[in-house]
Amino acid sequence: MTIRRVVPNVRSEAMRENREFYGLLGFEEAMNQGWIMTLASTTNPTAQISVMTHDETAPVVPDVSVEVDDVDAAYTAMCDSGAEIVHSLRDEEWGVRRFFVRDPNGRVINVLSHRH
């Protein structure tokens, strides 16, 4: 399995303030769906941070998003290991297939692949 990117997720209601703050570090808005905004480096587009007010279809805001090349294989591996699945595998209307799993530290990890 290949990891494509890892993105920290920050829960916040201050979207504009976060856009301005991280803009000072060279990030610009790459995506904004109202409830989630992803900021990406202007020089390294895989260096990203997401700011979320809530998660539109899941019960919690994940702490980290990990994009992999095969989310189905990752889901199978996590289920087989006995890891706690917080949000089951599903296709989302914005073009990703994802699930949430709790890591050993109690953090919620959003594991996803973009659908083609």
N, C-alpha and C. Protein backbone atom coordinates (compact mmCIF):
# COMPACT_ATOMS: atom_id res chain seq x y z
N MET A 1 0.85 -1.18 0.00
CA MET A 1 0.00 0.00 0.00
C MET A 1 0.90 1.25 0.00
N THR A 2 0.51 2.22 -0.79
CA THR A 2 1.28 3.45 -0.90
C THR A 2 0.54 4.60 -0.23
N ILE A 3 1.26 5.37 0.58
CA ILE A 3 0.69 6.58 1.19
C ILE A 3 0.92 7.72 0.22
N ARG A 4 -0.14 8.45 -0.09
CA ARG A 4 -0.03 9.57 -1.02
C ARG A 4 0.18 10.90 -0.32
N ARG A 5 -0.45 11.08 0.85
CA ARG A 5 -0.27 12.31 1.63
C ARG A 5 -0.87 12.10 3.01
N VAL A 6 -0.42 12.92 3.95
CA VAL A 6 -0.94 12.94 5.32
C VAL A 6 -1.28 14.39 5.63
N VAL A 7 -2.50 14.61 6.11
CA VAL A 7 -2.99 15.98 6.35
C VAL A 7 -3.53 16.08 7.78
N PRO A 8 -2.97 16.98 8.60
CA PRO A 8 -3.57 17.22 9.91
C PRO A 8 -4.90 17.95 9.73
N ASN A 9 -5.86 17.63 10.58
CA ASN A 9 -7.18 18.27 10.56
C ASN A 9 -7.34 19.06 11.85
N VAL A 10 -7.71 20.32 11.72
CA VAL A 10 -7.90 21.21 12.87
C VAL A 10 -9.38 21.54 12.96
N ARG A 11 -9.99 21.27 14.11
CA ARG A 11 -11.39 21.65 14.31
C ARG A 11 -11.43 23.12 14.72
N SER A 12 -12.20 23.91 13.96
CA SER A 12 -12.28 25.34 14.24
C SER A 12 -13.47 25.96 13.53
N GLU A 13 -14.03 26.98 14.13
CA GLU A 13 -15.08 27.77 13.50
C GLU A 13 -14.48 28.99 12.80
N ALA A 14 -13.18 29.23 12.96
CA ALA A 14 -12.52 30.44 12.46
C ALA A 14 -11.87 30.19 11.11
N MET A 15 -12.67 29.94 10.11
CA MET A 15 -12.14 29.62 8.78
C MET A 15 -11.31 30.78 8.21
N ARG A 16 -11.87 31.95 8.16
CA ARG A 16 -11.18 33.10 7.58
C ARG A 16 -9.87 33.37 8.31
N GLU A 17 -9.89 33.33 9.64
CA GLU A 17 -8.70 33.60 10.42
C GLU A 17 -7.61 32.56 10.16
N ASN A 18 -8.01 31.29 10.02
CA ASN A 18 -7.05 30.24 9.71
C ASN A 18 -6.47 30.42 8.31
N ARG A 19 -7.30 30.76 7.34
CA ARG A 19 -6.82 31.00 5.98
C ARG A 19 -5.77 32.12 5.97
N GLU A 20 -6.06 33.20 6.70
CA GLU A 20 -5.11 34.32 6.77
C GLU A 20 -3.83 33.93 7.50
N PHE A 21 -3.96 33.25 8.64
CA PHE A 21 -2.80 32.85 9.44
C PHE A 21 -1.87 31.93 8.64
N TYR A 22 -2.42 30.84 8.11
CA TYR A 22 -1.60 29.88 7.37
C TYR A 22 -1.12 30.46 6.04
N GLY A 23 -1.82 31.46 5.53
CA GLY A 23 -1.35 32.17 4.34
C GLY A 23 -0.02 32.84 4.58
N LEU A 24 0.20 33.28 5.80
CA LEU A 24 1.49 33.90 6.15
C LEU A 24 2.64 32.91 6.06
N LEU A 25 2.33 31.62 6.14
CA LEU A 25 3.35 30.57 6.03
C LEU A 25 3.46 30.01 4.61
N GLY A 26 2.69 30.57 3.67
CA GLY A 26 2.77 30.13 2.29
C GLY A 26 1.69 29.17 1.85
N PHE A 27 0.65 29.00 2.67
CA PHE A 27 -0.47 28.14 2.28
C PHE A 27 -1.52 28.97 1.56
N GLU A 28 -2.21 28.33 0.60
CA GLU A 28 -3.35 28.98 -0.04
C GLU A 28 -4.51 27.99 -0.08
N GLU A 29 -5.70 28.51 -0.18
CA GLU A 29 -6.89 27.67 -0.19
C GLU A 29 -6.91 26.80 -1.43
N ALA A 30 -6.96 25.50 -1.23
CA ALA A 30 -7.01 24.55 -2.34
C ALA A 30 -8.42 23.99 -2.54
N MET A 31 -9.22 23.98 -1.46
CA MET A 31 -10.56 23.43 -1.51
C MET A 31 -11.35 24.01 -0.34
N ASN A 32 -12.62 24.34 -0.58
CA ASN A 32 -13.47 24.83 0.50
C ASN A 32 -14.90 24.38 0.23
N GLN A 33 -15.41 23.54 1.13
CA GLN A 33 -16.79 23.06 1.02
C GLN A 33 -17.68 23.67 2.09
N GLY A 34 -17.22 24.72 2.72
CA GLY A 34 -18.00 25.36 3.78
C GLY A 34 -17.69 24.79 5.14
N TRP A 35 -17.77 23.49 5.30
CA TRP A 35 -17.50 22.83 6.57
C TRP A 35 -16.06 22.33 6.66
N ILE A 36 -15.39 22.22 5.52
CA ILE A 36 -13.97 21.85 5.49
C ILE A 36 -13.26 22.72 4.46
N MET A 37 -12.10 23.20 4.85
CA MET A 37 -11.25 23.99 3.96
C MET A 37 -9.86 23.37 4.02
N THR A 38 -9.29 23.08 2.86
CA THR A 38 -7.94 22.56 2.80
C THR A 38 -7.02 23.63 2.26
N LEU A 39 -5.94 23.85 2.98
CA LEU A 39 -4.92 24.82 2.59
C LEU A 39 -3.70 24.04 2.16
N ALA A 40 -3.09 24.44 1.03
CA ALA A 40 -1.93 23.73 0.50
C ALA A 40 -0.78 24.69 0.31
N SER A 41 0.42 24.17 0.44
CA SER A 41 1.63 24.94 0.18
C SER A 41 1.66 25.35 -1.29
N THR A 42 2.08 26.58 -1.54
CA THR A 42 2.19 27.05 -2.92
C THR A 42 3.38 26.42 -3.64
N THR A 43 4.35 25.90 -2.89
CA THR A 43 5.54 25.31 -3.50
C THR A 43 5.57 23.79 -3.41
N ASN A 44 4.78 23.20 -2.51
CA ASN A 44 4.73 21.75 -2.34
C ASN A 44 3.27 21.37 -2.10
N PRO A 45 2.49 21.11 -3.14
CA PRO A 45 1.05 20.92 -3.00
C PRO A 45 0.62 19.75 -2.12
N THR A 46 1.51 18.82 -1.79
CA THR A 46 1.12 17.73 -0.89
C THR A 46 1.28 18.13 0.58
N ALA A 47 1.91 19.28 0.84
CA ALA A 47 1.99 19.81 2.21
C ALA A 47 0.70 20.57 2.46
N GLN A 48 -0.18 20.00 3.28
CA GLN A 48 -1.52 20.55 3.47
C GLN A 48 -1.93 20.53 4.92
N ILE A 49 -2.94 21.34 5.21
CA ILE A 49 -3.63 21.33 6.50
C ILE A 49 -5.10 21.59 6.21
N SER A 50 -5.98 20.88 6.89
CA SER A 50 -7.41 21.09 6.72
C SER A 50 -8.00 21.67 8.00
N VAL A 51 -8.94 22.59 7.83
CA VAL A 51 -9.67 23.19 8.94
C VAL A 51 -11.13 22.79 8.77
N MET A 52 -11.72 22.25 9.84
CA MET A 52 -13.08 21.72 9.75
C MET A 52 -13.94 22.25 10.89
N THR A 53 -15.15 22.67 10.56
CA THR A 53 -16.11 23.03 11.60
C THR A 53 -16.78 21.78 12.15
N HIS A 54 -16.99 20.79 11.30
CA HIS A 54 -17.58 19.50 11.64
C HIS A 54 -17.30 18.59 10.46
N ASP A 55 -17.71 17.34 10.53
CA ASP A 55 -17.62 16.46 9.37
C ASP A 55 -19.03 16.23 8.87
N GLU A 56 -19.26 16.48 7.62
CA GLU A 56 -20.60 16.46 7.03
C GLU A 56 -21.30 15.11 7.16
N THR A 57 -20.57 14.00 7.07
CA THR A 57 -21.23 12.69 7.07
C THR A 57 -20.73 11.73 8.14
N ALA A 58 -19.85 12.18 9.01
CA ALA A 58 -19.28 11.30 10.02
C ALA A 58 -19.58 11.84 11.42
N PRO A 59 -19.48 10.98 12.43
CA PRO A 59 -19.85 11.38 13.78
C PRO A 59 -18.84 12.28 14.49
N VAL A 60 -17.61 12.35 14.00
CA VAL A 60 -16.56 13.14 14.66
C VAL A 60 -15.68 13.80 13.61
N VAL A 61 -14.94 14.82 14.04
CA VAL A 61 -13.91 15.42 13.19
C VAL A 61 -12.64 14.58 13.38
N PRO A 62 -12.09 14.04 12.31
CA PRO A 62 -10.87 13.24 12.46
C PRO A 62 -9.68 14.13 12.79
N ASP A 63 -8.70 13.55 13.46
CA ASP A 63 -7.48 14.27 13.82
C ASP A 63 -6.50 14.37 12.66
N VAL A 64 -6.45 13.32 11.84
CA VAL A 64 -5.50 13.24 10.74
C VAL A 64 -6.19 12.53 9.57
N SER A 65 -5.88 12.96 8.36
CA SER A 65 -6.31 12.25 7.16
C SER A 65 -5.09 11.63 6.50
N VAL A 66 -5.22 10.37 6.12
CA VAL A 66 -4.15 9.66 5.42
C VAL A 66 -4.72 9.16 4.10
N GLU A 67 -4.18 9.70 3.00
CA GLU A 67 -4.62 9.24 1.68
C GLU A 67 -3.72 8.09 1.25
N VAL A 68 -4.35 6.98 0.88
CA VAL A 68 -3.63 5.79 0.42
C VAL A 68 -4.09 5.43 -0.99
N ASP A 69 -3.32 4.58 -1.65
CA ASP A 69 -3.69 4.19 -3.01
C ASP A 69 -4.79 3.13 -3.02
N ASP A 70 -5.00 2.40 -1.92
CA ASP A 70 -6.00 1.32 -1.88
C ASP A 70 -6.71 1.32 -0.53
N VAL A 71 -7.76 2.11 -0.42
CA VAL A 71 -8.48 2.24 0.85
C VAL A 71 -9.17 0.94 1.24
N ASP A 72 -9.58 0.14 0.26
CA ASP A 72 -10.23 -1.13 0.59
C ASP A 72 -9.25 -2.08 1.27
N ALA A 73 -8.00 -2.12 0.80
CA ALA A 73 -6.98 -2.95 1.44
C ALA A 73 -6.68 -2.45 2.85
N ALA A 74 -6.63 -1.12 3.01
CA ALA A 74 -6.38 -0.55 4.34
C ALA A 74 -7.52 -0.90 5.29
N TYR A 75 -8.75 -0.82 4.81
CA TYR A 75 -9.91 -1.15 5.64
C TYR A 75 -9.86 -2.62 6.07
N THR A 76 -9.56 -3.50 5.13
CA THR A 76 -9.46 -4.92 5.45
C THR A 76 -8.37 -5.16 6.50
N ALA A 77 -7.22 -4.53 6.32
CA ALA A 77 -6.12 -4.70 7.28
C ALA A 77 -6.52 -4.22 8.67
N MET A 78 -7.20 -3.07 8.75
CA MET A 78 -7.61 -2.54 10.05
C MET A 78 -8.67 -3.44 10.70
N CYS A 79 -9.63 -3.89 9.91
CA CYS A 79 -10.66 -4.79 10.46
C CYS A 79 -10.04 -6.09 10.95
N ASP A 80 -9.15 -6.66 10.14
CA ASP A 80 -8.49 -7.92 10.52
C ASP A 80 -7.65 -7.76 11.78
N SER A 81 -7.12 -6.56 12.02
CA SER A 81 -6.28 -6.34 13.20
C SER A 81 -7.10 -6.15 14.47
N GLY A 82 -8.41 -5.92 14.31
CA GLY A 82 -9.26 -5.67 15.46
C GLY A 82 -9.32 -4.21 15.87
N ALA A 83 -8.76 -3.32 15.05
CA ALA A 83 -8.80 -1.88 15.35
C ALA A 83 -10.24 -1.39 15.39
N GLU A 84 -10.48 -0.35 16.17
CA GLU A 84 -11.83 0.20 16.30
C GLU A 84 -12.16 1.06 15.08
N ILE A 85 -13.15 0.62 14.33
CA ILE A 85 -13.64 1.39 13.19
C ILE A 85 -14.67 2.38 13.73
N VAL A 86 -14.41 3.66 13.54
CA VAL A 86 -15.27 4.73 14.06
C VAL A 86 -16.34 5.11 13.05
N HIS A 87 -16.01 4.99 11.78
CA HIS A 87 -16.92 5.35 10.68
C HIS A 87 -16.63 4.36 9.56
N SER A 88 -17.61 3.56 9.18
CA SER A 88 -17.34 2.47 8.25
C SER A 88 -17.04 2.95 6.83
N LEU A 89 -16.45 2.08 6.05
CA LEU A 89 -16.03 2.37 4.69
C LEU A 89 -17.23 2.78 3.84
N ARG A 90 -17.07 3.90 3.14
CA ARG A 90 -18.17 4.39 2.29
C ARG A 90 -17.64 5.34 1.24
N ASP A 91 -18.43 5.46 0.17
CA ASP A 91 -18.14 6.43 -0.88
C ASP A 91 -18.85 7.73 -0.52
N GLU A 92 -18.12 8.84 -0.61
CA GLU A 92 -18.68 10.16 -0.32
C GLU A 92 -18.96 10.90 -1.61
N GLU A 93 -19.96 11.77 -1.58
CA GLU A 93 -20.39 12.47 -2.78
C GLU A 93 -19.33 13.40 -3.36
N TRP A 94 -18.32 13.78 -2.56
CA TRP A 94 -17.28 14.68 -3.05
C TRP A 94 -16.10 13.94 -3.66
N GLY A 95 -16.26 12.65 -3.94
CA GLY A 95 -15.26 11.94 -4.73
C GLY A 95 -14.23 11.13 -3.98
N VAL A 96 -14.45 10.87 -2.70
CA VAL A 96 -13.51 10.02 -1.96
C VAL A 96 -14.23 8.79 -1.43
N ARG A 97 -13.47 7.75 -1.20
CA ARG A 97 -13.92 6.54 -0.48
C ARG A 97 -13.11 6.54 0.79
N ARG A 98 -13.76 6.41 1.95
CA ARG A 98 -13.04 6.58 3.20
C ARG A 98 -13.66 5.81 4.36
N PHE A 99 -12.87 5.71 5.43
CA PHE A 99 -13.34 5.19 6.71
C PHE A 99 -12.52 5.88 7.79
N PHE A 100 -13.02 5.82 9.03
CA PHE A 100 -12.30 6.36 10.18
C PHE A 100 -11.94 5.20 11.10
N VAL A 101 -10.72 5.25 11.65
CA VAL A 101 -10.26 4.24 12.58
C VAL A 101 -9.57 4.95 13.75
N ARG A 102 -9.67 4.37 14.95
CA ARG A 102 -9.02 4.96 16.12
C ARG A 102 -7.65 4.35 16.29
N ASP A 103 -6.63 5.20 16.44
CA ASP A 103 -5.26 4.70 16.62
C ASP A 103 -5.03 4.35 18.09
N PRO A 104 -3.87 3.77 18.44
CA PRO A 104 -3.61 3.37 19.83
C PRO A 104 -3.62 4.53 20.82
N ASN A 105 -3.52 5.77 20.34
CA ASN A 105 -3.52 6.94 21.22
C ASN A 105 -4.91 7.55 21.38
N GLY A 106 -5.90 6.95 20.75
CA GLY A 106 -7.25 7.46 20.83
C GLY A 106 -7.58 8.48 19.75
N ARG A 107 -6.64 8.77 18.86
CA ARG A 107 -6.86 9.73 17.77
C ARG A 107 -7.65 9.06 16.64
N VAL A 108 -8.51 9.84 16.02
CA VAL A 108 -9.31 9.32 14.91
C VAL A 108 -8.61 9.65 13.59
N ILE A 109 -8.38 8.61 12.80
CA ILE A 109 -7.67 8.73 11.54
C ILE A 109 -8.67 8.50 10.40
N ASN A 110 -8.75 9.46 9.49
CA ASN A 110 -9.56 9.38 8.28
C ASN A 110 -8.67 8.77 7.20
N VAL A 111 -8.97 7.56 6.78
CA VAL A 111 -8.20 6.87 5.74
C VAL A 111 -9.01 6.93 4.46
N LEU A 112 -8.39 7.43 3.39
CA LEU A 112 -9.17 7.69 2.18
C LEU A 112 -8.38 7.43 0.90
N SER A 113 -9.13 7.25 -0.17
CA SER A 113 -8.60 7.26 -1.53
C SER A 113 -9.56 8.10 -2.36
N HIS A 114 -9.02 8.78 -3.34
CA HIS A 114 -9.88 9.50 -4.28
C HIS A 114 -10.40 8.50 -5.30
N ARG A 115 -11.70 8.58 -5.60
CA ARG A 115 -12.28 7.70 -6.62
C ARG A 115 -11.94 8.28 -7.98
N HIS A 116 -11.73 7.41 -8.93
CA HIS A 116 -11.37 7.86 -10.28
C HIS A 116 -12.53 7.69 -11.21
